[in-house]
């Protein structure tokens, strides 16, 4: 398992706010997420306080 400390960027989006996280390209390559195949499933696991990213 690899670990990196990252920051989330917040920005104005219309009348509200949005957030972005930049993921390392080597990690995306390992998950086979590319510019052509970029659909993911994002899961909020509130019980374990985790966000889980899976390729769709």
N, C-alpha and C. Protein backbone atom coordinates (compact mmCIF):
# COMPACT_ATOMS: atom_id res chain seq x y z
N UNK A 1 0.85 -1.17 0.00
CA UNK A 1 0.00 0.00 0.00
C UNK A 1 0.90 1.24 0.00
N UNK A 2 0.51 2.23 -0.79
CA UNK A 2 1.25 3.48 -0.85
C UNK A 2 0.45 4.57 -0.15
N UNK A 3 1.16 5.57 0.36
CA UNK A 3 0.49 6.66 1.05
C UNK A 3 1.13 7.98 0.61
N UNK A 4 0.29 8.98 0.40
CA UNK A 4 0.76 10.34 0.14
C UNK A 4 -0.15 11.30 0.89
N UNK A 5 0.43 12.36 1.40
CA UNK A 5 -0.36 13.42 2.02
C UNK A 5 -0.67 14.45 0.95
N UNK A 6 -1.96 14.69 0.73
CA UNK A 6 -2.41 15.62 -0.31
C UNK A 6 -3.32 16.66 0.31
N UNK A 7 -3.60 17.71 -0.45
CA UNK A 7 -4.54 18.74 -0.02
C UNK A 7 -5.70 18.78 -0.99
N UNK A 8 -6.85 19.16 -0.49
CA UNK A 8 -8.04 19.34 -1.31
C UNK A 8 -8.14 20.83 -1.63
N UNK A 9 -8.40 21.17 -2.90
CA UNK A 9 -8.58 22.55 -3.33
C UNK A 9 -10.06 22.86 -3.35
N UNK A 10 -10.44 23.98 -2.77
CA UNK A 10 -11.82 24.44 -2.78
C UNK A 10 -11.93 25.62 -3.74
N UNK A 11 -13.06 25.71 -4.44
CA UNK A 11 -13.26 26.79 -5.40
C UNK A 11 -14.74 27.15 -5.45
N UNK A 12 -15.03 28.35 -5.94
CA UNK A 12 -16.41 28.78 -6.11
C UNK A 12 -16.97 28.12 -7.36
N UNK A 13 -18.20 27.62 -7.24
CA UNK A 13 -18.87 26.97 -8.37
C UNK A 13 -20.30 27.48 -8.41
N UNK A 14 -20.54 28.45 -9.27
CA UNK A 14 -21.89 29.02 -9.34
C UNK A 14 -22.24 29.71 -8.04
N UNK A 15 -23.30 29.24 -7.39
CA UNK A 15 -23.72 29.85 -6.13
C UNK A 15 -23.18 29.11 -4.92
N UNK A 16 -22.42 28.05 -5.14
CA UNK A 16 -21.90 27.26 -4.03
C UNK A 16 -20.39 27.10 -4.12
N UNK A 17 -19.91 26.05 -3.54
CA UNK A 17 -18.49 25.73 -3.58
C UNK A 17 -18.29 24.31 -4.09
N UNK A 18 -17.13 24.07 -4.66
CA UNK A 18 -16.76 22.74 -5.11
C UNK A 18 -15.40 22.39 -4.53
N UNK A 19 -15.00 21.16 -4.71
CA UNK A 19 -13.70 20.72 -4.20
C UNK A 19 -13.05 19.78 -5.21
N UNK A 20 -11.73 19.80 -5.24
CA UNK A 20 -10.96 18.94 -6.13
C UNK A 20 -9.79 18.34 -5.36
N UNK A 21 -9.45 17.15 -5.77
CA UNK A 21 -8.23 16.52 -5.26
C UNK A 21 -7.44 16.05 -6.47
N UNK A 22 -6.15 16.31 -6.46
CA UNK A 22 -5.28 15.90 -7.56
C UNK A 22 -4.67 14.56 -7.18
N UNK A 23 -4.90 13.56 -8.04
CA UNK A 23 -4.38 12.21 -7.79
C UNK A 23 -3.10 12.00 -8.58
N UNK A 24 -2.14 11.31 -8.01
CA UNK A 24 -0.88 11.06 -8.71
C UNK A 24 -1.11 10.18 -9.96
N UNK A 25 -0.52 10.59 -11.07
CA UNK A 25 -0.64 9.86 -12.34
C UNK A 25 -0.18 8.40 -12.20
N UNK A 26 0.93 8.11 -11.51
CA UNK A 26 1.32 6.70 -11.37
C UNK A 26 0.21 5.85 -10.72
N UNK A 27 -0.51 6.40 -9.79
CA UNK A 27 -1.61 5.65 -9.16
C UNK A 27 -2.73 5.41 -10.17
N UNK A 28 -3.05 6.42 -10.97
CA UNK A 28 -4.09 6.25 -11.98
C UNK A 28 -3.68 5.19 -13.00
N UNK A 29 -2.41 5.18 -13.37
CA UNK A 29 -1.92 4.16 -14.30
C UNK A 29 -2.07 2.77 -13.70
N UNK A 30 -1.76 2.63 -12.42
CA UNK A 30 -1.89 1.32 -11.76
C UNK A 30 -3.34 0.84 -11.74
N UNK A 31 -4.28 1.78 -11.69
CA UNK A 31 -5.71 1.42 -11.71
C UNK A 31 -6.25 1.35 -13.13
N UNK A 32 -5.37 1.60 -14.13
CA UNK A 32 -5.75 1.60 -15.55
C UNK A 32 -6.83 2.64 -15.85
N UNK A 33 -6.71 3.79 -15.20
CA UNK A 33 -7.60 4.92 -15.47
C UNK A 33 -6.84 5.84 -16.42
N UNK A 34 -7.41 6.06 -17.61
CA UNK A 34 -6.76 6.86 -18.64
C UNK A 34 -7.68 7.98 -19.07
N UNK A 35 -7.17 8.84 -19.96
CA UNK A 35 -8.00 9.92 -20.49
C UNK A 35 -9.18 9.36 -21.29
N UNK A 36 -9.02 8.19 -21.89
CA UNK A 36 -10.10 7.58 -22.67
C UNK A 36 -11.02 6.72 -21.82
N UNK A 37 -10.51 6.16 -20.75
CA UNK A 37 -11.31 5.33 -19.84
C UNK A 37 -11.23 5.94 -18.45
N UNK A 38 -12.03 6.97 -18.23
CA UNK A 38 -11.91 7.76 -17.01
C UNK A 38 -13.11 7.65 -16.07
N UNK A 39 -14.01 6.72 -16.33
CA UNK A 39 -15.17 6.54 -15.45
C UNK A 39 -14.76 5.82 -14.19
N UNK A 40 -15.12 6.40 -13.06
CA UNK A 40 -14.80 5.80 -11.76
C UNK A 40 -16.06 5.72 -10.91
N UNK A 41 -15.97 4.98 -9.84
CA UNK A 41 -17.01 4.91 -8.84
C UNK A 41 -16.38 5.43 -7.55
N UNK A 42 -17.00 6.44 -6.94
CA UNK A 42 -16.50 7.02 -5.70
C UNK A 42 -17.46 6.64 -4.59
N UNK A 43 -16.94 5.99 -3.56
CA UNK A 43 -17.76 5.47 -2.47
C UNK A 43 -17.40 6.20 -1.19
N UNK A 44 -18.41 6.69 -0.49
CA UNK A 44 -18.22 7.30 0.83
C UNK A 44 -18.56 6.25 1.87
N UNK A 45 -17.56 5.81 2.60
CA UNK A 45 -17.73 4.83 3.67
C UNK A 45 -17.71 5.61 4.98
N UNK A 46 -18.89 6.02 5.42
CA UNK A 46 -18.99 6.84 6.63
C UNK A 46 -18.61 6.07 7.88
N UNK A 47 -18.86 4.78 7.88
CA UNK A 47 -18.55 3.96 9.04
C UNK A 47 -17.05 3.95 9.33
N UNK A 48 -16.22 3.88 8.26
CA UNK A 48 -14.78 3.84 8.42
C UNK A 48 -14.11 5.18 8.08
N UNK A 49 -14.93 6.20 7.78
CA UNK A 49 -14.43 7.54 7.47
C UNK A 49 -13.44 7.50 6.31
N UNK A 50 -13.87 6.89 5.17
CA UNK A 50 -13.00 6.72 4.01
C UNK A 50 -13.73 7.08 2.72
N UNK A 51 -12.96 7.54 1.74
CA UNK A 51 -13.41 7.65 0.37
C UNK A 51 -12.71 6.54 -0.40
N UNK A 52 -13.45 5.82 -1.23
CA UNK A 52 -12.90 4.70 -1.98
C UNK A 52 -13.12 4.98 -3.47
N UNK A 53 -12.06 4.88 -4.26
CA UNK A 53 -12.14 5.10 -5.70
C UNK A 53 -11.95 3.77 -6.40
N UNK A 54 -12.89 3.44 -7.30
CA UNK A 54 -12.79 2.21 -8.08
C UNK A 54 -13.03 2.54 -9.55
N UNK A 55 -12.31 1.86 -10.42
CA UNK A 55 -12.58 2.02 -11.85
C UNK A 55 -13.90 1.36 -12.16
N UNK A 56 -14.68 2.01 -13.02
CA UNK A 56 -15.98 1.45 -13.40
C UNK A 56 -15.88 0.69 -14.68
